[in-house]
Amino acid sequence: MDRAVEPAATAPLGLDDVRAAARRLHGVVCRTPLLSSAPLDARLGHELVFKPEGLQHTGAFKVRGAYNTLAWMAERGALPQQVISFSSGNHAQAVAWAARRFGVRAVVYMPEGVAEVKRRATEAWGAEVRLRPQRAQAEAEAQQAAAAPGCALLPPYDHPQVVCGQGTATLEALEDGGVEERGPDAVRPLYDAVFVPVGGGGLMSGTTLVAKSLDARTAVVGGEPAAADDAARTLESGTLFRWEQPPSTLADGARTLSLSPLTWSILRTADGIRRVDESDLLRWTRTLQESLKVLVEPTSALAAAAAEQWLAEQDGPRRVLLVLSGANLDADTMRAIWAAR
């Protein structure tokens, strides 16, 4: 069963908030490069530029939001003795990594069945992992534990400073491409569109804040598994849709139960979410690895599959940016990807 819930009021965020996050992250996280593939461009008839966040310290963009939030707390003298979170993998590692740098204890609630490579990495960074049978139970117990004295909740996407931290990936890509030197009066934007995967919406929300502020002509489009399309349903219906149980998809970073009121409020200004079939998810995971010579996890491939759909509808060549969210793959997932050829 699934159900719908109503939105709540959220605080406004802007480009200055993302720039403040970028200052906190400077010299701490990797400024990941921009990659391209001439054969892939030739095949599609468009120019694709990739931001591979799998090259981050924990193999995913999530360190940006986790570290920024703790740094923001520290600036206000509100750093907790213990940080509590819940995650299916990449955010868990990010919280563990960031908490270690700030010298605070981290406890992460994870649903059973998470990728072993992600659970082990979370523990290796020093966090205590508490497994629970279901994702909803992990979320609920994390929120209860965070209410204890000296504790604070660091959620995977439902926090303004998490969103701002995630937005720094796109900010870097646009700065490195020279978007501000071109200015809004340039004949065309630096990128005609930016594509990102969608789970809870933190990365797409941060991307929307940045891209729309620097050049409103740039389309921001998300890719979401067709089998886990809660975000697309939310934007189409105007009501926040929430799964009772995590949807089944190879893109484990998109097995979230819903957007949050915060991310929903920002994504209303984006340019849509494309549903991606599992077969296209597998195909693009292989294609990206072959073309870019870097490891990508299936969630990352959602951006490429969404771009393929959007580009097929255009009336001429386009230049687009794709943020590849992570590269944390276990052996079973890797075998499934290549067995499906």
C-alpha atoms as a PDB file:
ATOM      1  CA  MET A   1       0.000   0.000   0.000  1.00  0.00           C
ATOM      2  CA  ASP A   2       0.998   3.626  -0.497  1.00  0.00           C
ATOM      3  CA  ARG A   3      -0.439   6.856   0.783  1.00  0.00           C
ATOM      4  CA  ALA A   4      -0.337  10.589   0.181  1.00  0.00           C
ATOM      5  CA  VAL A   5       0.455  13.255   2.747  1.00  0.00           C
ATOM      6  CA  GLU A   6       0.090  17.019   2.647  1.00  0.00           C
ATOM      7  CA  PRO A   7       2.987  19.480   2.410  1.00  0.00           C
ATOM      8  CA  ALA A   8       4.291  21.658   5.215  1.00  0.00           C
ATOM      9  CA  ALA A   9       5.817  25.141   5.140  1.00  0.00           C
ATOM     10  CA  THR A  10       9.548  25.347   4.422  1.00  0.00           C
ATOM     11  CA  ALA A  11      12.215  28.027   4.713  1.00  0.00           C
ATOM     12  CA  PRO A  12      13.425  29.684   1.488  1.00  0.00           C
ATOM     13  CA  LEU A  13      16.952  28.997   0.269  1.00  0.00           C
ATOM     14  CA  GLY A  14      19.030  30.711  -2.384  1.00  0.00           C
ATOM     15  CA  LEU A  15      22.311  30.815  -4.252  1.00  0.00           C
ATOM     16  CA  ASP A  16      24.062  32.640  -1.404  1.00  0.00           C
ATOM     17  CA  ASP A  17      23.333  29.701   0.899  1.00  0.00           C
ATOM     18  CA  VAL A  18      24.948  27.289  -1.567  1.00  0.00           C
ATOM     19  CA  ARG A  19      27.949  29.600  -1.924  1.00  0.00           C
ATOM     20  CA  ALA A  20      28.317  29.648   1.866  1.00  0.00           C
ATOM     21  CA  ALA A  21      28.314  25.848   1.789  1.00  0.00           C
ATOM     22  CA  ALA A  22      30.993  25.899  -0.918  1.00  0.00           C
ATOM     23  CA  ARG A  23      33.218  28.010   1.341  1.00  0.00           C
ATOM     24  CA  ARG A  24      32.825  25.501   4.174  1.00  0.00           C
ATOM     25  CA  LEU A  25      33.666  22.636   1.842  1.00  0.00           C
ATOM     26  CA  HIS A  26      36.661  24.303   0.199  1.00  0.00           C
ATOM     27  CA  GLY A  27      39.755  22.179   0.692  1.00  0.00           C
ATOM     28  CA  VAL A  28      37.723  19.490   2.464  1.00  0.00           C
ATOM     29  CA  VAL A  29      35.858  17.637  -0.281  1.00  0.00           C
ATOM     30  CA  CYS A  30      37.217  16.798  -3.725  1.00  0.00           C
ATOM     31  CA  ARG A  31      36.559  19.280  -6.490  1.00  0.00           C
ATOM     32  CA  THR A  32      35.674  16.523  -8.918  1.00  0.00           C
ATOM     33  CA  PRO A  33      36.631  17.011 -12.575  1.00  0.00           C
ATOM     34  CA  LEU A  34      34.476  17.374 -15.665  1.00  0.00           C
ATOM     35  CA  LEU A  35      34.625  14.433 -18.068  1.00  0.00           C
ATOM     36  CA  SER A  36      33.448  13.876 -21.623  1.00  0.00           C
ATOM     37  CA  SER A  37      33.402  11.178 -24.294  1.00  0.00           C
ATOM     38  CA  ALA A  38      33.790  12.140 -27.948  1.00  0.00           C
ATOM     39  CA  PRO A  39      32.433   8.769 -29.189  1.00  0.00           C
ATOM     40  CA  LEU A  40      29.373   9.116 -26.957  1.00  0.00           C
ATOM     41  CA  ASP A  41      28.789  12.698 -28.156  1.00  0.00           C
ATOM     42  CA  ALA A  42      29.060  11.559 -31.758  1.00  0.00           C
ATOM     43  CA  ARG A  43      26.610   8.736 -31.190  1.00  0.00           C
ATOM     44  CA  LEU A  44      23.987  10.945 -29.569  1.00  0.00           C
ATOM     45  CA  GLY A  45      24.601  14.083 -31.635  1.00  0.00           C
ATOM     46  CA  HIS A  46      24.930  16.283 -28.553  1.00  0.00           C
ATOM     47  CA  GLU A  47      27.687  17.423 -26.180  1.00  0.00           C
ATOM     48  CA  LEU A  48      27.546  15.728 -22.768  1.00  0.00           C
ATOM     49  CA  VAL A  49      29.661  16.876 -19.824  1.00  0.00           C
ATOM     50  CA  PHE A  50      29.841  14.672 -16.734  1.00  0.00           C
ATOM     51  CA  LYS A  51      30.564  15.523 -13.090  1.00  0.00           C
ATOM     52  CA  PRO A  52      31.703  12.170 -11.529  1.00  0.00           C
ATOM     53  CA  GLU A  53      30.945  12.408  -7.823  1.00  0.00           C
ATOM     54  CA  GLY A  54      32.032   8.795  -7.400  1.00  0.00           C
ATOM     55  CA  LEU A  55      35.530  10.276  -7.085  1.00  0.00           C
ATOM     56  CA  GLN A  56      34.605  11.844  -3.734  1.00  0.00           C
ATOM     57  CA  HIS A  57      36.165  10.615  -0.471  1.00  0.00           C
ATOM     58  CA  THR A  58      33.358   8.154   0.254  1.00  0.00           C
ATOM     59  CA  GLY A  59      32.493   7.473  -3.387  1.00  0.00           C
ATOM     60  CA  ALA A  60      29.418   9.719  -3.586  1.00  0.00           C
ATOM     61  CA  PHE A  61      28.232  13.335  -3.512  1.00  0.00           C
ATOM     62  CA  LYS A  62      26.676  12.846  -0.077  1.00  0.00           C
ATOM     63  CA  VAL A  63      29.794  14.039   1.783  1.00  0.00           C
ATOM     64  CA  ARG A  64      28.964  17.551   0.619  1.00  0.00           C
ATOM     65  CA  GLY A  65      25.670  17.757   2.478  1.00  0.00           C
ATOM     66  CA  ALA A  66      26.825  15.877   5.579  1.00  0.00           C
ATOM     67  CA  TYR A  67      29.982  17.898   6.129  1.00  0.00           C
ATOM     68  CA  ASN A  68      28.332  21.217   5.353  1.00  0.00           C
ATOM     69  CA  THR A  69      25.584  20.577   7.894  1.00  0.00           C
ATOM     70  CA  LEU A  70      28.016  19.710  10.695  1.00  0.00           C
ATOM     71  CA  ALA A  71      30.209  22.699   9.789  1.00  0.00           C
ATOM     72  CA  TRP A  72      27.144  24.948   9.892  1.00  0.00           C
ATOM     73  CA  MET A  73      26.265  23.548  13.337  1.00  0.00           C
ATOM     74  CA  ALA A  74      29.831  24.099  14.536  1.00  0.00           C
ATOM     75  CA  GLU A  75      29.742  27.746  13.396  1.00  0.00           C
ATOM     76  CA  ARG A  76      26.746  28.250  15.676  1.00  0.00           C
ATOM     77  CA  GLY A  77      28.239  26.446  18.657  1.00  0.00           C
ATOM     78  CA  ALA A  78      25.631  23.721  18.220  1.00  0.00           C
ATOM     79  CA  LEU A  79      27.798  20.747  17.266  1.00  0.00           C
ATOM     80  CA  PRO A  80      26.241  17.703  18.960  1.00  0.00           C
ATOM     81  CA  GLN A  81      28.062  15.102  20.998  1.00  0.00           C
ATOM     82  CA  GLN A  82      26.415  12.467  18.821  1.00  0.00           C
ATOM     83  CA  VAL A  83      24.959  12.672  15.335  1.00  0.00           C
ATOM     84  CA  ILE A  84      22.143  10.317  14.361  1.00  0.00           C
ATOM     85  CA  SER A  85      21.050   9.431  10.847  1.00  0.00           C
ATOM     86  CA  PHE A  86      19.319   6.860   8.647  1.00  0.00           C
ATOM     87  CA  SER A  87      20.348   5.762   5.190  1.00  0.00           C
ATOM     88  CA  SER A  88      20.425   3.003   2.609  1.00  0.00           C
ATOM     89  CA  GLY A  89      24.157   3.505   2.102  1.00  0.00           C
ATOM     90  CA  ASN A  90      25.851   6.559   0.605  1.00  0.00           C
ATOM     91  CA  HIS A  91      24.570   9.073   3.144  1.00  0.00           C
ATOM     92  CA  ALA A  92      25.530   6.671   5.934  1.00  0.00           C
ATOM     93  CA  GLN A  93      29.148   6.723   4.793  1.00  0.00           C
ATOM     94  CA  ALA A  94      29.065  10.489   4.441  1.00  0.00           C
ATOM     95  CA  VAL A  95      27.769  10.986   7.975  1.00  0.00           C
ATOM     96  CA  ALA A  96      30.404   8.635   9.354  1.00  0.00           C
ATOM     97  CA  TRP A  97      33.157  10.427   7.414  1.00  0.00           C
ATOM     98  CA  ALA A  98      32.014  13.921   8.409  1.00  0.00           C
ATOM     99  CA  ALA A  99      31.437  13.012  12.062  1.00  0.00           C
ATOM    100  CA  ARG A 100      34.931  11.564  12.255  1.00  0.00           C
ATOM    101  CA  ARG A 101      36.406  14.843  10.996  1.00  0.00           C
ATOM    102  CA  PHE A 102      34.500  16.787  13.664  1.00  0.00           C
ATOM    103  CA  GLY A 103      35.299  14.310  16.415  1.00  0.00           C
ATOM    104  CA  VAL A 104      31.698  13.420  17.232  1.00  0.00           C
ATOM    105  CA  ARG A 105      30.127   9.995  17.534  1.00  0.00           C
ATOM    106  CA  ALA A 106      27.887   8.790  14.709  1.00  0.00           C
ATOM    107  CA  VAL A 107      25.049   6.267  14.841  1.00  0.00           C
ATOM    108  CA  VAL A 108      23.341   5.313  11.591  1.00  0.00           C
ATOM    109  CA  TYR A 109      20.156   3.274  11.289  1.00  0.00           C
ATOM    110  CA  MET A 110      20.053   1.218   8.094  1.00  0.00           C
ATOM    111  CA  PRO A 111      17.458  -1.174   6.684  1.00  0.00           C
ATOM    112  CA  GLU A 112      18.416  -4.811   6.422  1.00  0.00           C
ATOM    113  CA  GLY A 113      19.456  -5.774   2.933  1.00  0.00           C
ATOM    114  CA  VAL A 114      21.585  -2.706   2.235  1.00  0.00           C
ATOM    115  CA  ALA A 115      24.639  -3.264   0.069  1.00  0.00           C
ATOM    116  CA  GLU A 116      27.347  -4.839   2.187  1.00  0.00           C
ATOM    117  CA  VAL A 117      30.008  -2.630   0.645  1.00  0.00           C
ATOM    118  CA  LYS A 118      28.142   0.435   1.913  1.00  0.00           C
ATOM    119  CA  ARG A 119      27.490  -0.956   5.389  1.00  0.00           C
ATOM    120  CA  ARG A 120      31.110  -2.035   5.840  1.00  0.00           C
ATOM    121  CA  ALA A 121      32.407   1.318   4.656  1.00  0.00           C
ATOM    122  CA  THR A 122      30.130   3.132   7.110  1.00  0.00           C
ATOM    123  CA  GLU A 123      31.555   1.110   9.961  1.00  0.00           C
ATOM    124  CA  ALA A 124      35.091   1.565   8.661  1.00  0.00           C
ATOM    125  CA  TRP A 125      34.696   5.333   8.944  1.00  0.00           C
ATOM    126  CA  GLY A 126      33.807   4.842  12.610  1.00  0.00           C
ATOM    127  CA  ALA A 127      30.021   4.935  12.775  1.00  0.00           C
ATOM    128  CA  GLU A 128      27.880   2.487  14.706  1.00  0.00           C
ATOM    129  CA  VAL A 129      25.407   0.831  12.338  1.00  0.00           C
ATOM    130  CA  ARG A 130      22.061  -0.352  13.685  1.00  0.00           C
ATOM    131  CA  LEU A 131      20.168  -2.553  11.235  1.00  0.00           C
ATOM    132  CA  ARG A 132      16.390  -2.604  11.229  1.00  0.00           C
ATOM    133  CA  PRO A 133      13.992  -4.830   9.217  1.00  0.00           C
ATOM    134  CA  GLN A 134      12.406  -1.978   7.240  1.00  0.00           C
ATOM    135  CA  ARG A 135      13.473   1.467   6.039  1.00  0.00           C
ATOM    136  CA  ALA A 136      10.486   3.143   7.710  1.00  0.00           C
ATOM    137  CA  GLN A 137      11.478   1.596  11.043  1.00  0.00           C
ATOM    138  CA  ALA A 138      15.074   2.765  10.605  1.00  0.00           C
ATOM    139  CA  GLU A 139      13.860   6.316   9.933  1.00  0.00           C
ATOM    140  CA  ALA A 140      11.485   6.342  12.892  1.00  0.00           C
ATOM    141  CA  GLU A 141      14.032   4.993  15.374  1.00  0.00           C
ATOM    142  CA  ALA A 142      16.680   7.432  14.177  1.00  0.00           C
ATOM    143  CA  GLN A 143      14.326  10.341  14.773  1.00  0.00           C
ATOM    144  CA  GLN A 144      13.497   9.045  18.244  1.00  0.00           C
ATOM    145  CA  ALA A 145      17.167   8.568  19.123  1.00  0.00           C
ATOM    146  CA  ALA A 146      18.040  12.064  17.923  1.00  0.00           C
ATOM    147  CA  ALA A 147      15.666  13.565  20.495  1.00  0.00           C
ATOM    148  CA  ALA A 148      18.010  12.522  23.326  1.00  0.00           C
ATOM    149  CA  PRO A 149      20.185  15.206  24.992  1.00  0.00           C
ATOM    150  CA  GLY A 150      23.426  15.898  23.148  1.00  0.00           C
ATOM    151  CA  CYS A 151      22.157  14.333  19.917  1.00  0.00           C
ATOM    152  CA  ALA A 152      21.175  15.787  16.559  1.00  0.00           C
ATOM    153  CA  LEU A 153      19.561  14.283  13.488  1.00  0.00           C
ATOM    154  CA  LEU A 154      21.410  14.583  10.174  1.00  0.00           C
ATOM    155  CA  PRO A 155      18.878  13.348   7.596  1.00  0.00           C
ATOM    156  CA  PRO A 156      19.842  12.354   4.045  1.00  0.00           C
ATOM    157  CA  TYR A 157      17.967  15.185   2.320  1.00  0.00           C
ATOM    158  CA  ASP A 158      15.359  16.870   4.557  1.00  0.00           C
ATOM    159  CA  HIS A 159      17.595  19.649   5.909  1.00  0.00           C
ATOM    160  CA  PRO A 160      18.363  23.044   4.332  1.00  0.00           C
ATOM    161  CA  GLN A 161      22.107  22.696   4.867  1.00  0.00           C
ATOM    162  CA  VAL A 162      22.138  19.209   3.351  1.00  0.00           C
ATOM    163  CA  VAL A 163      20.441  20.605   0.250  1.00  0.00           C
ATOM    164  CA  CYS A 164      22.904  23.500   0.059  1.00  0.00           C
ATOM    165  CA  GLY A 165      25.867  21.170   0.419  1.00  0.00           C
ATOM    166  CA  GLN A 166      24.606  18.957  -2.392  1.00  0.00           C
ATOM    167  CA  GLY A 167      24.130  21.988  -4.605  1.00  0.00           C
ATOM    168  CA  THR A 168      27.857  22.700  -4.523  1.00  0.00           C
ATOM    169  CA  ALA A 169      28.493  19.889  -7.024  1.00  0.00           C
ATOM    170  CA  THR A 170      26.593  21.753  -9.739  1.00  0.00           C
ATOM    171  CA  LEU A 171      27.998  25.103  -8.581  1.00  0.00           C
ATOM    172  CA  GLU A 172      31.519  23.754  -9.125  1.00  0.00           C
ATOM    173  CA  ALA A 173      30.642  22.431 -12.563  1.00  0.00           C
ATOM    174  CA  LEU A 174      29.169  25.747 -13.655  1.00  0.00           C
ATOM    175  CA  GLU A 175      32.087  27.734 -12.230  1.00  0.00           C
ATOM    176  CA  ASP A 176      34.612  25.462 -13.923  1.00  0.00           C
ATOM    177  CA  GLY A 177      32.773  25.965 -17.202  1.00  0.00           C
ATOM    178  CA  GLY A 178      32.819  29.754 -16.831  1.00  0.00           C
ATOM    179  CA  VAL A 179      29.104  30.408 -16.442  1.00  0.00           C
ATOM    180  CA  GLU A 180      29.498  33.655 -14.499  1.00  0.00           C
ATOM    181  CA  GLU A 181      31.944  35.070 -17.031  1.00  0.00           C
ATOM    182  CA  ARG A 182      29.344  34.452 -19.759  1.00  0.00           C
ATOM    183  CA  GLY A 183      26.558  36.082 -17.782  1.00  0.00           C
ATOM    184  CA  PRO A 184      22.777  35.833 -18.292  1.00  0.00           C
ATOM    185  CA  ASP A 185      22.943  37.920 -21.492  1.00  0.00           C
ATOM    186  CA  ALA A 186      24.937  35.291 -23.402  1.00  0.00           C
ATOM    187  CA  VAL A 187      23.158  34.053 -26.522  1.00  0.00           C
ATOM    188  CA  ARG A 188      22.811  30.609 -24.929  1.00  0.00           C
ATOM    189  CA  PRO A 189      23.336  29.323 -21.402  1.00  0.00           C
ATOM    190  CA  LEU A 190      26.543  27.440 -20.647  1.00  0.00           C
ATOM    191  CA  TYR A 191      24.452  24.256 -20.430  1.00  0.00           C
ATOM    192  CA  ASP A 192      21.054  23.860 -22.020  1.00  0.00           C
ATOM    193  CA  ALA A 193      20.110  21.422 -19.239  1.00  0.00           C
ATOM    194  CA  VAL A 194      21.438  19.743 -16.105  1.00  0.00           C
ATOM    195  CA  PHE A 195      20.459  16.162 -15.298  1.00  0.00           C
ATOM    196  CA  VAL A 196      20.639  14.473 -11.899  1.00  0.00           C
ATOM    197  CA  PRO A 197      19.294  11.287 -10.296  1.00  0.00           C
ATOM    198  CA  VAL A 198      16.363  11.627  -7.907  1.00  0.00           C
ATOM    199  CA  GLY A 199      15.847   9.788  -4.632  1.00  0.00           C
ATOM    200  CA  GLY A 200      14.799  12.050  -1.781  1.00  0.00           C
ATOM    201  CA  GLY A 201      15.478  15.091  -3.933  1.00  0.00           C
ATOM    202  CA  GLY A 202      18.414  16.670  -2.080  1.00  0.00           C
ATOM    203  CA  LEU A 203      20.786  16.691  -5.052  1.00  0.00           C
ATOM    204  CA  MET A 204      18.139  17.871  -7.502  1.00  0.00           C
ATOM    205  CA  SER A 205      16.987  20.579  -5.082  1.00  0.00           C
ATOM    206  CA  GLY A 206      20.500  21.939  -4.629  1.00  0.00           C
ATOM    207  CA  THR A 207      21.062  21.759  -8.386  1.00  0.00           C
ATOM    208  CA  THR A 208      17.827  23.646  -9.034  1.00  0.00           C
ATOM    209  CA  LEU A 209      18.783  26.439  -6.622  1.00  0.00           C
ATOM    210  CA  VAL A 210      22.126  26.899  -8.357  1.00  0.00           C
ATOM    211  CA  ALA A 211      21.243  26.431 -12.022  1.00  0.00           C
ATOM    212  CA  LYS A 212      18.075  28.536 -11.980  1.00  0.00           C
ATOM    213  CA  SER A 213      19.780  31.343 -10.045  1.00  0.00           C
ATOM    214  CA  LEU A 214      22.750  31.584 -12.408  1.00  0.00           C
ATOM    215  CA  ASP A 215      20.744  31.230 -15.625  1.00  0.00           C
ATOM    216  CA  ALA A 216      16.998  30.624 -15.522  1.00  0.00           C
ATOM    217  CA  ARG A 217      17.093  29.327 -19.110  1.00  0.00           C
ATOM    218  CA  THR A 218      18.933  26.179 -18.011  1.00  0.00           C
ATOM    219  CA  ALA A 219      16.537  23.260 -17.673  1.00  0.00           C
ATOM    220  CA  VAL A 220      16.912  21.085 -14.568  1.00  0.00           C
ATOM    221  CA  VAL A 221      15.666  17.537 -15.107  1.00  0.00           C
ATOM    222  CA  GLY A 222      15.709  14.523 -12.826  1.00  0.00           C
ATOM    223  CA  GLY A 223      15.878  10.819 -13.590  1.00  0.00           C
ATOM    224  CA  GLU A 224      13.904   8.421 -11.383  1.00  0.00           C
ATOM    225  CA  PRO A 225      13.255   4.675 -11.671  1.00  0.00           C
ATOM    226  CA  ALA A 226       9.856   3.964 -13.210  1.00  0.00           C
ATOM    227  CA  ALA A 227       9.343   1.443 -10.400  1.00  0.00           C
ATOM    228  CA  ALA A 228      10.139   4.085  -7.753  1.00  0.00           C
ATOM    229  CA  ASP A 229       8.443   7.162  -9.186  1.00  0.00           C
ATOM    230  CA  ASP A 230       7.195   8.847  -6.019  1.00  0.00           C
ATOM    231  CA  ALA A 231       8.853  12.169  -6.932  1.00  0.00           C
ATOM    232  CA  ALA A 232       7.307  12.205 -10.400  1.00  0.00           C
ATOM    233  CA  ARG A 233       3.899  11.368  -8.924  1.00  0.00           C
ATOM    234  CA  THR A 234       4.287  14.166  -6.393  1.00  0.00           C
ATOM    235  CA  LEU A 235       5.089  16.815  -8.992  1.00  0.00           C
ATOM    236  CA  GLU A 236       2.304  15.624 -11.290  1.00  0.00           C
ATOM    237  CA  SER A 237      -0.408  15.426  -8.629  1.00  0.00           C
ATOM    238  CA  GLY A 238       0.542  18.342  -6.404  1.00  0.00           C
ATOM    239  CA  THR A 239       0.335  16.041  -3.371  1.00  0.00           C
ATOM    240  CA  LEU A 240       3.341  14.566  -1.626  1.00  0.00           C
ATOM    241  CA  PHE A 241       3.286  10.845  -2.401  1.00  0.00           C
ATOM    242  CA  ARG A 242       4.896   8.364  -0.008  1.00  0.00           C
ATOM    243  CA  TRP A 243       5.489   4.619  -0.337  1.00  0.00           C
ATOM    244  CA  GLU A 244       4.656   2.372   2.589  1.00  0.00           C
ATOM    245  CA  GLN A 245       7.499   0.018   1.607  1.00  0.00           C
ATOM    246  CA  PRO A 246      10.694   0.799  -0.326  1.00  0.00           C
ATOM    247  CA  PRO A 247      10.187   0.273  -4.067  1.00  0.00           C
ATOM    248  CA  SER A 248      12.183  -2.385  -5.894  1.00  0.00           C
ATOM    249  CA  THR A 249      14.881  -1.048  -8.220  1.00  0.00           C
ATOM    250  CA  LEU A 250      18.541  -1.716  -8.892  1.00  0.00           C
ATOM    251  CA  ALA A 251      19.160   1.968  -8.161  1.00  0.00           C
ATOM    252  CA  ASP A 252      19.366   1.590  -4.384  1.00  0.00           C
ATOM    253  CA  GLY A 253      19.947   5.312  -3.893  1.00  0.00           C
ATOM    254  CA  ALA A 254      16.446   5.916  -5.262  1.00  0.00           C
ATOM    255  CA  ARG A 255      14.646   3.529  -2.908  1.00  0.00           C
ATOM    256  CA  THR A 256      13.535   6.433  -0.737  1.00  0.00           C
ATOM    257  CA  LEU A 257       9.954   6.499   0.483  1.00  0.00           C
ATOM    258  CA  SER A 258       9.194  10.056  -0.649  1.00  0.00           C
ATOM    259  CA  LEU A 259      10.437  13.544  -1.230  1.00  0.00           C
ATOM    260  CA  SER A 260      10.332  15.795   1.818  1.00  0.00           C
ATOM    261  CA  PRO A 261       8.277  18.991   2.069  1.00  0.00           C
ATOM    262  CA  LEU A 262      11.562  20.896   1.733  1.00  0.00           C
ATOM    263  CA  THR A 263      12.777  19.196  -1.436  1.00  0.00           C
ATOM    264  CA  TRP A 264       9.282  19.174  -2.924  1.00  0.00           C
ATOM    265  CA  SER A 265       8.985  22.941  -2.449  1.00  0.00           C
ATOM    266  CA  ILE A 266      12.199  23.508  -4.433  1.00  0.00           C
ATOM    267  CA  LEU A 267      11.576  20.936  -7.162  1.00  0.00           C
ATOM    268  CA  ARG A 268       8.364  22.698  -8.129  1.00  0.00           C
ATOM    269  CA  THR A 269      10.597  25.202  -9.938  1.00  0.00           C
ATOM    270  CA  ALA A 270      12.517  22.489 -11.853  1.00  0.00           C
ATOM    271  CA  ASP A 271      11.677  21.205 -15.322  1.00  0.00           C
ATOM    272  CA  GLY A 272      10.404  17.741 -14.626  1.00  0.00           C
ATOM    273  CA  ILE A 273      11.385  14.197 -13.759  1.00  0.00           C
ATOM    274  CA  ARG A 274      11.809  11.432 -16.326  1.00  0.00           C
ATOM    275  CA  ARG A 275      10.861   7.853 -15.495  1.00  0.00           C
ATOM    276  CA  VAL A 276      13.583   5.337 -16.327  1.00  0.00           C
ATOM    277  CA  ASP A 277      12.971   1.643 -17.033  1.00  0.00           C
ATOM    278  CA  GLU A 278      15.277  -0.877 -15.371  1.00  0.00           C
ATOM    279  CA  SER A 279      16.566  -2.017 -18.756  1.00  0.00           C
ATOM    280  CA  ASP A 280      17.689   1.528 -19.600  1.00  0.00           C
ATOM    281  CA  LEU A 281      19.185   1.841 -16.118  1.00  0.00           C
ATOM    282  CA  LEU A 282      21.335  -1.225 -16.749  1.00  0.00           C
ATOM    283  CA  ARG A 283      22.279  -0.142 -20.264  1.00  0.00           C
ATOM    284  CA  TRP A 284      23.393   3.307 -19.184  1.00  0.00           C
ATOM    285  CA  THR A 285      25.357   2.003 -16.199  1.00  0.00           C
ATOM    286  CA  ARG A 286      27.379  -0.121 -18.619  1.00  0.00           C
ATOM    287  CA  THR A 287      27.649   2.671 -21.182  1.00  0.00           C
ATOM    288  CA  LEU A 288      28.985   5.192 -18.682  1.00  0.00           C
ATOM    289  CA  GLN A 289      31.592   2.793 -17.375  1.00  0.00           C
ATOM    290  CA  GLU A 290      32.712   1.941 -20.893  1.00  0.00           C
ATOM    291  CA  SER A 291      32.695   5.512 -22.212  1.00  0.00           C
ATOM    292  CA  LEU A 292      34.123   7.451 -19.266  1.00  0.00           C
ATOM    293  CA  LYS A 293      36.428   4.755 -17.826  1.00  0.00           C
ATOM    294  CA  VAL A 294      35.142   5.415 -14.321  1.00  0.00           C
ATOM    295  CA  LEU A 295      33.020   3.345 -11.967  1.00  0.00           C
ATOM    296  CA  VAL A 296      29.392   4.415 -11.628  1.00  0.00           C
ATOM    297  CA  GLU A 297      26.577   2.865  -9.627  1.00  0.00           C
ATOM    298  CA  PRO A 298      23.119   2.386 -11.172  1.00  0.00           C
ATOM    299  CA  THR A 299      21.636   5.410  -9.394  1.00  0.00           C
ATOM    300  CA  SER A 300      24.112   7.605 -11.299  1.00  0.00           C
ATOM    301  CA  ALA A 301      22.862   6.226 -14.598  1.00  0.00           C
ATOM    302  CA  LEU A 302      19.421   7.716 -13.968  1.00  0.00           C
ATOM    303  CA  ALA A 303      20.811  11.092 -15.022  1.00  0.00           C
ATOM    304  CA  ALA A 304      22.068   9.716 -18.341  1.00  0.00           C
ATOM    305  CA  ALA A 305      18.854   7.855 -19.122  1.00  0.00           C
ATOM    306  CA  ALA A 306      16.826  11.002 -18.416  1.00  0.00           C
ATOM    307  CA  ALA A 307      19.166  13.012 -20.640  1.00  0.00           C
ATOM    308  CA  GLU A 308      18.718  10.535 -23.476  1.00  0.00           C
ATOM    309  CA  GLN A 309      14.937  10.986 -23.323  1.00  0.00           C
ATOM    310  CA  TRP A 310      15.147  14.786 -23.191  1.00  0.00           C
ATOM    311  CA  LEU A 311      17.756  15.096 -25.959  1.00  0.00           C
ATOM    312  CA  ALA A 312      15.681  12.939 -28.313  1.00  0.00           C
ATOM    313  CA  GLU A 313      12.965  15.624 -28.151  1.00  0.00           C
ATOM    314  CA  GLN A 314      15.234  18.575 -29.043  1.00  0.00           C
ATOM    315  CA  ASP A 315      15.352  20.204 -32.467  1.00  0.00           C
ATOM    316  CA  GLY A 316      19.112  20.658 -32.606  1.00  0.00           C
ATOM    317  CA  PRO A 317      22.412  19.909 -30.833  1.00  0.00           C
ATOM    318  CA  ARG A 318      22.480  20.676 -27.130  1.00  0.00           C
ATOM    319  CA  ARG A 319      25.201  20.935 -24.480  1.00  0.00           C
ATOM    320  CA  VAL A 320      24.189  19.327 -21.191  1.00  0.00           C
ATOM    321  CA  LEU A 321      25.672  18.598 -17.767  1.00  0.00           C
ATOM    322  CA  LEU A 322      25.108  15.291 -15.986  1.00  0.00           C
ATOM    323  CA  VAL A 323      25.910  14.875 -12.296  1.00  0.00           C
ATOM    324  CA  LEU A 324      26.873  11.247 -11.630  1.00  0.00           C
ATOM    325  CA  SER A 325      25.999  10.716  -7.992  1.00  0.00           C
ATOM    326  CA  GLY A 326      28.237   7.852  -6.865  1.00  0.00           C
ATOM    327  CA  ALA A 327      30.343   4.778  -7.499  1.00  0.00           C
ATOM    328  CA  ASN A 328      29.650   2.433  -4.604  1.00  0.00           C
ATOM    329  CA  LEU A 329      28.936  -0.992  -6.076  1.00  0.00           C
ATOM    330  CA  ASP A 330      28.948  -4.417  -4.481  1.00  0.00           C
ATOM    331  CA  ALA A 331      29.954  -7.534  -6.407  1.00  0.00           C
ATOM    332  CA  ASP A 332      26.383  -8.821  -6.805  1.00  0.00           C
ATOM    333  CA  THR A 333      25.201  -5.562  -8.361  1.00  0.00           C
ATOM    334  CA  MET A 334      28.195  -5.440 -10.683  1.00  0.00           C
ATOM    335  CA  ARG A 335      27.477  -8.985 -11.864  1.00  0.00           C
ATOM    336  CA  ALA A 336      23.827  -8.113 -12.488  1.00  0.00           C
ATOM    337  CA  ILE A 337      24.824  -5.102 -14.553  1.00  0.00           C
ATOM    338  CA  TRP A 338      27.099  -6.996 -16.887  1.00  0.00           C
ATOM    339  CA  ALA A 339      25.087 -10.233 -16.999  1.00  0.00           C
ATOM    340  CA  ALA A 340      22.232  -8.296 -18.585  1.00  0.00           C
ATOM    341  CA  ARG A 341      24.190  -7.477 -21.769  1.00  0.00           C
END
